[in-house]
Amino acid sequence: MLGIIRGLTDTFSMSEWNVVWLDNNGKYHKKYFYYKTEARFFYDLLPFYHKRLERVR
């Protein structure tokens, strides 16, 4: 049920999103997404512990 609600709210989100993560070598990386659903999918696949999903201002 929560997945359905999350999918619907992500679909109507009109903001751009960044996924930021810290790799095992201590380097920060950032990837830009236009849709939150794509950003969340990429975020969920990242194997790193230090990561975040943030809205672009």
Protein backbone atom coordinates (compact mmCIF):
# COMPACT_ATOMS: atom_id res chain seq x y z
CA MET A 1 0.00 0.00 0.00
CA LEU A 2 2.79 2.40 0.90
CA GLY A 3 4.51 1.70 -2.43
CA ILE A 4 1.38 2.71 -4.35
CA ILE A 5 1.07 5.98 -2.43
CA ARG A 6 4.78 6.71 -2.86
CA GLY A 7 4.54 6.04 -6.60
CA LEU A 8 1.60 8.40 -6.98
CA THR A 9 3.20 11.22 -5.00
CA ASP A 10 6.50 10.80 -6.88
CA THR A 11 4.66 11.03 -10.20
CA PHE A 12 3.22 14.45 -9.34
CA SER A 13 6.44 15.87 -7.91
CA MET A 14 7.50 18.73 -10.18
CA SER A 15 10.99 19.29 -8.77
CA GLU A 16 14.40 18.16 -9.97
CA TRP A 17 16.35 15.82 -7.69
CA ASN A 18 19.96 15.00 -6.87
CA VAL A 19 21.28 11.78 -5.43
CA VAL A 20 24.46 12.41 -3.45
CA TRP A 21 26.65 9.66 -2.05
CA LEU A 22 30.05 9.04 -0.49
CA ASP A 23 31.96 6.09 -1.97
CA ASN A 24 34.40 3.75 -0.24
CA ASN A 25 37.37 5.95 -1.22
CA GLY A 26 35.92 9.02 0.54
CA LYS A 27 34.87 10.83 -2.64
CA TYR A 28 31.50 12.52 -3.02
CA HIS A 29 29.44 11.99 -6.15
CA LYS A 30 26.22 13.58 -7.38
CA LYS A 31 23.77 12.56 -10.08
CA TYR A 32 20.93 14.77 -11.33
CA PHE A 33 17.42 13.49 -12.12
CA TYR A 34 14.42 15.28 -13.54
CA TYR A 35 11.89 12.85 -12.06
CA LYS A 36 11.76 11.75 -8.45
CA THR A 37 10.79 8.18 -9.40
CA GLU A 38 14.04 7.77 -11.36
CA ALA A 39 16.06 9.34 -8.54
CA ARG A 40 14.47 7.07 -5.93
CA PHE A 41 15.10 3.98 -8.08
CA PHE A 42 18.79 4.92 -8.47
CA TYR A 43 19.04 5.77 -4.75
CA ASP A 44 17.64 2.38 -3.75
CA LEU A 45 20.20 0.57 -5.95
CA LEU A 46 23.24 2.34 -4.46
CA PRO A 47 25.19 -0.04 -2.20
CA PHE A 48 26.67 2.77 -0.07
CA TYR A 49 25.57 3.67 3.44
CA HIS A 50 26.21 7.42 3.18
CA LYS A 51 23.75 8.63 0.57
CA ARG A 52 20.87 11.07 0.34
CA LEU A 53 18.11 12.14 -1.99
CA GLU A 54 17.69 15.91 -2.14
CA ARG A 55 15.51 18.36 -4.04
CA VAL A 56 17.30 20.81 -6.34
CA ARG A 57 16.59 24.42 -5.39
